[in-house]
Amino acid sequence: MFSHPDGSPRRPDSLTQAFRRRSRKAGLTGVGLHDLRHTNASLLLKLNANPKTISDRLGHAPVQITMDVYSHLLPGVQEAAVAGLGALLEPVGISTC
């Protein structure tokens, strides 16, 4: 993903060090390069992106890995599912209680 202008690969530790220098310069402390990956996934979930899309972006083979790691960021999912089911069934006279 990251290479020198001639196409040769960069050493992973040099990317980490460069990120640390730039983040400190920007006033960010305690933020690692890998945190950007989590931020990306978290923000996409908050935007209701498809979990399969997020999983693909992260390189997780099964979507379940993504959901196991990030599903805590989806508060109210159960409540929303029940409310949606209730709204769907109400017109036909079926109670969800």
N, C-alpha and C. Protein backbone atom coordinates (compact mmCIF):
# COMPACT_ATOMS: atom_id res chain seq x y z
N MET A 1 0.82 -1.18 0.00
CA MET A 1 0.00 0.00 0.00
C MET A 1 0.87 1.26 0.00
N PHE A 2 1.94 1.22 0.77
CA PHE A 2 2.84 2.37 0.83
C PHE A 2 4.17 1.97 0.23
N SER A 3 4.65 2.79 -0.67
CA SER A 3 5.93 2.47 -1.30
C SER A 3 6.75 3.73 -1.52
N HIS A 4 8.00 3.51 -1.83
CA HIS A 4 8.88 4.61 -2.22
C HIS A 4 8.48 5.04 -3.64
N PRO A 5 8.90 6.23 -4.08
CA PRO A 5 8.56 6.69 -5.43
C PRO A 5 8.95 5.69 -6.53
N ASP A 6 10.00 4.89 -6.28
CA ASP A 6 10.42 3.92 -7.30
C ASP A 6 9.62 2.61 -7.24
N GLY A 7 8.66 2.52 -6.30
CA GLY A 7 7.82 1.33 -6.19
C GLY A 7 8.31 0.31 -5.19
N SER A 8 9.50 0.50 -4.66
CA SER A 8 10.01 -0.46 -3.67
C SER A 8 9.25 -0.28 -2.35
N PRO A 9 9.07 -1.37 -1.60
CA PRO A 9 8.27 -1.29 -0.38
C PRO A 9 8.96 -0.51 0.74
N ARG A 10 8.16 0.13 1.54
CA ARG A 10 8.68 0.82 2.73
C ARG A 10 8.66 -0.15 3.89
N ARG A 11 9.56 0.04 4.81
CA ARG A 11 9.59 -0.78 6.02
C ARG A 11 8.41 -0.37 6.90
N PRO A 12 7.65 -1.34 7.43
CA PRO A 12 6.50 -0.99 8.27
C PRO A 12 6.84 -0.10 9.46
N ASP A 13 8.00 -0.35 10.08
CA ASP A 13 8.35 0.48 11.25
C ASP A 13 8.62 1.92 10.86
N SER A 14 9.06 2.17 9.63
CA SER A 14 9.30 3.56 9.22
C SER A 14 7.96 4.30 9.08
N LEU A 15 6.92 3.61 8.65
CA LEU A 15 5.59 4.22 8.57
C LEU A 15 5.06 4.54 9.96
N THR A 16 5.27 3.61 10.88
CA THR A 16 4.81 3.83 12.25
C THR A 16 5.52 5.03 12.87
N GLN A 17 6.83 5.10 12.67
CA GLN A 17 7.59 6.23 13.22
C GLN A 17 7.17 7.55 12.59
N ALA A 18 6.95 7.56 11.29
CA ALA A 18 6.52 8.78 10.61
C ALA A 18 5.14 9.21 11.13
N PHE A 19 4.24 8.26 11.34
CA PHE A 19 2.92 8.59 11.87
C PHE A 19 3.04 9.18 13.27
N ARG A 20 3.89 8.58 14.10
CA ARG A 20 4.08 9.09 15.47
C ARG A 20 4.58 10.53 15.45
N ARG A 21 5.57 10.80 14.62
CA ARG A 21 6.12 12.16 14.53
C ARG A 21 5.03 13.16 14.11
N ARG A 22 4.30 12.80 13.09
CA ARG A 22 3.27 13.73 12.58
C ARG A 22 2.11 13.88 13.55
N SER A 23 1.73 12.81 14.22
CA SER A 23 0.61 12.93 15.16
C SER A 23 1.01 13.76 16.38
N ARG A 24 2.26 13.58 16.84
CA ARG A 24 2.73 14.43 17.96
C ARG A 24 2.77 15.89 17.55
N LYS A 25 3.24 16.15 16.34
CA LYS A 25 3.32 17.51 15.83
C LYS A 25 1.92 18.14 15.74
N ALA A 26 0.91 17.31 15.47
CA ALA A 26 -0.47 17.79 15.37
C ALA A 26 -1.15 17.86 16.75
N GLY A 27 -0.40 17.48 17.80
CA GLY A 27 -0.96 17.55 19.14
C GLY A 27 -1.74 16.31 19.55
N LEU A 28 -1.63 15.25 18.79
CA LEU A 28 -2.32 14.00 19.12
C LEU A 28 -1.37 13.09 19.87
N THR A 29 -1.75 12.71 21.07
CA THR A 29 -0.92 11.78 21.84
C THR A 29 -1.74 10.53 22.12
N GLY A 30 -1.06 9.43 22.19
CA GLY A 30 -1.73 8.17 22.48
C GLY A 30 -2.52 7.60 21.31
N VAL A 31 -2.26 8.09 20.12
CA VAL A 31 -2.95 7.60 18.92
C VAL A 31 -1.94 6.85 18.07
N GLY A 32 -2.26 5.58 17.79
CA GLY A 32 -1.38 4.78 16.96
C GLY A 32 -1.91 4.64 15.54
N LEU A 33 -1.05 4.24 14.66
CA LEU A 33 -1.42 4.06 13.26
C LEU A 33 -2.57 3.07 13.12
N HIS A 34 -2.54 1.99 13.89
CA HIS A 34 -3.59 0.98 13.82
C HIS A 34 -4.94 1.53 14.29
N ASP A 35 -4.91 2.56 15.12
CA ASP A 35 -6.15 3.18 15.58
C ASP A 35 -6.97 3.76 14.43
N LEU A 36 -6.29 4.16 13.37
CA LEU A 36 -6.99 4.70 12.21
C LEU A 36 -7.89 3.64 11.57
N ARG A 37 -7.45 2.40 11.61
CA ARG A 37 -8.24 1.28 11.08
C ARG A 37 -9.53 1.14 11.88
N HIS A 38 -9.41 1.19 13.20
CA HIS A 38 -10.59 1.08 14.06
C HIS A 38 -11.52 2.28 13.88
N THR A 39 -10.94 3.44 13.74
CA THR A 39 -11.75 4.64 13.54
C THR A 39 -12.53 4.54 12.24
N ASN A 40 -11.88 4.07 11.19
CA ASN A 40 -12.53 3.90 9.90
C ASN A 40 -13.74 2.97 10.04
N ALA A 41 -13.54 1.81 10.64
CA ALA A 41 -14.62 0.84 10.80
C ALA A 41 -15.74 1.41 11.69
N SER A 42 -15.37 2.07 12.76
CA SER A 42 -16.36 2.62 13.69
C SER A 42 -17.22 3.69 13.02
N LEU A 43 -16.57 4.59 12.28
CA LEU A 43 -17.33 5.64 11.60
C LEU A 43 -18.24 5.07 10.52
N LEU A 44 -17.77 4.08 9.80
CA LEU A 44 -18.61 3.46 8.78
C LEU A 44 -19.83 2.79 9.40
N LEU A 45 -19.66 2.14 10.54
CA LEU A 45 -20.81 1.53 11.22
C LEU A 45 -21.80 2.59 11.68
N LYS A 46 -21.27 3.69 12.21
CA LYS A 46 -22.15 4.79 12.65
C LYS A 46 -22.93 5.38 11.47
N LEU A 47 -22.38 5.28 10.27
CA LEU A 47 -23.05 5.77 9.07
C LEU A 47 -23.98 4.71 8.46
N ASN A 48 -24.14 3.60 9.18
CA ASN A 48 -24.98 2.49 8.73
C ASN A 48 -24.50 1.86 7.43
N ALA A 49 -23.19 1.85 7.23
CA ALA A 49 -22.64 1.16 6.06
C ALA A 49 -22.89 -0.33 6.21
N ASN A 50 -22.98 -1.01 5.12
CA ASN A 50 -23.21 -2.45 5.12
C ASN A 50 -22.03 -3.14 5.81
N PRO A 51 -22.30 -4.01 6.80
CA PRO A 51 -21.20 -4.70 7.50
C PRO A 51 -20.29 -5.51 6.56
N LYS A 52 -20.84 -6.05 5.50
CA LYS A 52 -20.03 -6.81 4.54
C LYS A 52 -19.02 -5.87 3.86
N THR A 53 -19.45 -4.68 3.54
CA THR A 53 -18.55 -3.69 2.93
C THR A 53 -17.42 -3.35 3.89
N ILE A 54 -17.77 -3.12 5.14
CA ILE A 54 -16.76 -2.79 6.15
C ILE A 54 -15.79 -3.96 6.32
N SER A 55 -16.34 -5.17 6.39
CA SER A 55 -15.52 -6.36 6.53
C SER A 55 -14.54 -6.50 5.37
N ASP A 56 -15.02 -6.25 4.17
CA ASP A 56 -14.15 -6.32 2.99
C ASP A 56 -13.03 -5.28 3.08
N ARG A 57 -13.37 -4.06 3.50
CA ARG A 57 -12.37 -3.00 3.61
C ARG A 57 -11.29 -3.35 4.64
N LEU A 58 -11.70 -4.04 5.71
CA LEU A 58 -10.75 -4.41 6.75
C LEU A 58 -9.97 -5.67 6.42
N GLY A 59 -10.43 -6.40 5.41
CA GLY A 59 -9.76 -7.64 5.06
C GLY A 59 -10.18 -8.82 5.90
N HIS A 60 -11.33 -8.71 6.56
CA HIS A 60 -11.84 -9.84 7.35
C HIS A 60 -12.56 -10.78 6.40
N ALA A 61 -12.18 -12.06 6.40
CA ALA A 61 -12.84 -13.02 5.51
C ALA A 61 -14.31 -13.19 5.88
N PRO A 62 -14.62 -13.58 7.12
CA PRO A 62 -16.04 -13.64 7.48
C PRO A 62 -16.50 -12.32 8.11
N VAL A 63 -17.70 -11.91 7.79
CA VAL A 63 -18.28 -10.69 8.36
C VAL A 63 -18.37 -10.81 9.88
N GLN A 64 -18.51 -12.04 10.37
CA GLN A 64 -18.67 -12.27 11.80
C GLN A 64 -17.52 -11.69 12.62
N ILE A 65 -16.31 -11.73 12.08
CA ILE A 65 -15.17 -11.15 12.80
C ILE A 65 -15.40 -9.66 13.00
N THR A 66 -15.79 -8.98 11.95
CA THR A 66 -16.05 -7.54 12.03
C THR A 66 -17.14 -7.25 13.05
N MET A 67 -18.21 -8.01 13.00
CA MET A 67 -19.33 -7.76 13.90
C MET A 67 -18.97 -8.10 15.35
N ASP A 68 -18.17 -9.15 15.56
CA ASP A 68 -17.73 -9.48 16.91
C ASP A 68 -16.92 -8.36 17.53
N VAL A 69 -16.07 -7.71 16.71
CA VAL A 69 -15.20 -6.66 17.21
C VAL A 69 -15.94 -5.33 17.38
N TYR A 70 -16.86 -5.01 16.46
CA TYR A 70 -17.43 -3.66 16.41
C TYR A 70 -18.91 -3.56 16.76
N SER A 71 -19.60 -4.66 16.99
CA SER A 71 -21.05 -4.58 17.19
C SER A 71 -21.44 -3.77 18.43
N HIS A 72 -20.55 -3.63 19.39
CA HIS A 72 -20.87 -2.82 20.57
C HIS A 72 -21.10 -1.35 20.21
N LEU A 73 -20.69 -0.97 19.02
CA LEU A 73 -20.87 0.41 18.58
C LEU A 73 -22.26 0.66 18.00
N LEU A 74 -23.09 -0.34 18.02
CA LEU A 74 -24.43 -0.23 17.45
C LEU A 74 -25.49 -0.31 18.55
N PRO A 75 -25.52 0.66 19.46
CA PRO A 75 -26.53 0.62 20.52
C PRO A 75 -27.92 0.78 19.93
N GLY A 76 -28.86 0.08 20.54
CA GLY A 76 -30.25 0.21 20.11
C GLY A 76 -30.61 -0.65 18.92
N VAL A 77 -29.71 -1.51 18.47
CA VAL A 77 -30.00 -2.35 17.31
C VAL A 77 -31.16 -3.28 17.61
N GLN A 78 -31.15 -3.91 18.77
CA GLN A 78 -32.24 -4.83 19.14
C GLN A 78 -33.56 -4.08 19.22
N GLU A 79 -33.55 -2.92 19.87
CA GLU A 79 -34.78 -2.14 20.01
C GLU A 79 -35.31 -1.71 18.65
N ALA A 80 -34.43 -1.29 17.78
CA ALA A 80 -34.84 -0.86 16.44
C ALA A 80 -35.42 -2.03 15.65
N ALA A 81 -34.85 -3.21 15.80
CA ALA A 81 -35.35 -4.39 15.10
C ALA A 81 -36.76 -4.73 15.57
N VAL A 82 -36.99 -4.71 16.89
CA VAL A 82 -38.30 -5.02 17.43
C VAL A 82 -39.32 -3.96 17.01
N ALA A 83 -38.93 -2.70 17.06
CA ALA A 83 -39.85 -1.63 16.65
C ALA A 83 -40.21 -1.76 15.17
N GLY A 84 -39.24 -2.07 14.35
CA GLY A 84 -39.50 -2.25 12.92
C GLY A 84 -40.42 -3.43 12.66
N LEU A 85 -40.20 -4.51 13.36
CA LEU A 85 -41.06 -5.69 13.21
C LEU A 85 -42.47 -5.37 13.67
N GLY A 86 -42.58 -4.65 14.78
CA GLY A 86 -43.90 -4.25 15.28
C GLY A 86 -44.64 -3.39 14.27
N ALA A 87 -43.95 -2.44 13.67
CA ALA A 87 -44.58 -1.57 12.67
C ALA A 87 -45.01 -2.36 11.44
N LEU A 88 -44.26 -3.37 11.10
CA LEU A 88 -44.60 -4.20 9.95
C LEU A 88 -45.82 -5.08 10.21
N LEU A 89 -45.91 -5.60 11.42
CA LEU A 89 -46.99 -6.54 11.75
C LEU A 89 -48.26 -5.86 12.24
N GLU A 90 -48.17 -4.66 12.75
CA GLU A 90 -49.33 -3.95 13.31
C GLU A 90 -50.50 -3.83 12.33
N PRO A 91 -50.27 -3.47 11.08
CA PRO A 91 -51.41 -3.33 10.14
C PRO A 91 -52.21 -4.62 9.94
N VAL A 92 -51.60 -5.76 10.20
CA VAL A 92 -52.33 -7.02 10.01
C VAL A 92 -52.88 -7.56 11.32
N GLY A 93 -52.74 -6.78 12.40
CA GLY A 93 -53.33 -7.12 13.67
C GLY A 93 -52.57 -8.13 14.50
N ILE A 94 -51.28 -8.26 14.27
CA ILE A 94 -50.46 -9.17 15.06
C ILE A 94 -49.67 -8.36 16.07
N SER A 95 -49.78 -8.72 17.34
CA SER A 95 -49.06 -8.01 18.40
C SER A 95 -47.68 -8.63 18.60
N THR A 96 -46.67 -7.79 18.83
CA THR A 96 -45.32 -8.29 19.07
C THR A 96 -45.01 -8.41 20.56
N CYS A 97 -45.98 -8.10 21.43
CA CYS A 97 -45.76 -8.17 22.86
C CYS A 97 -46.05 -9.55 23.40
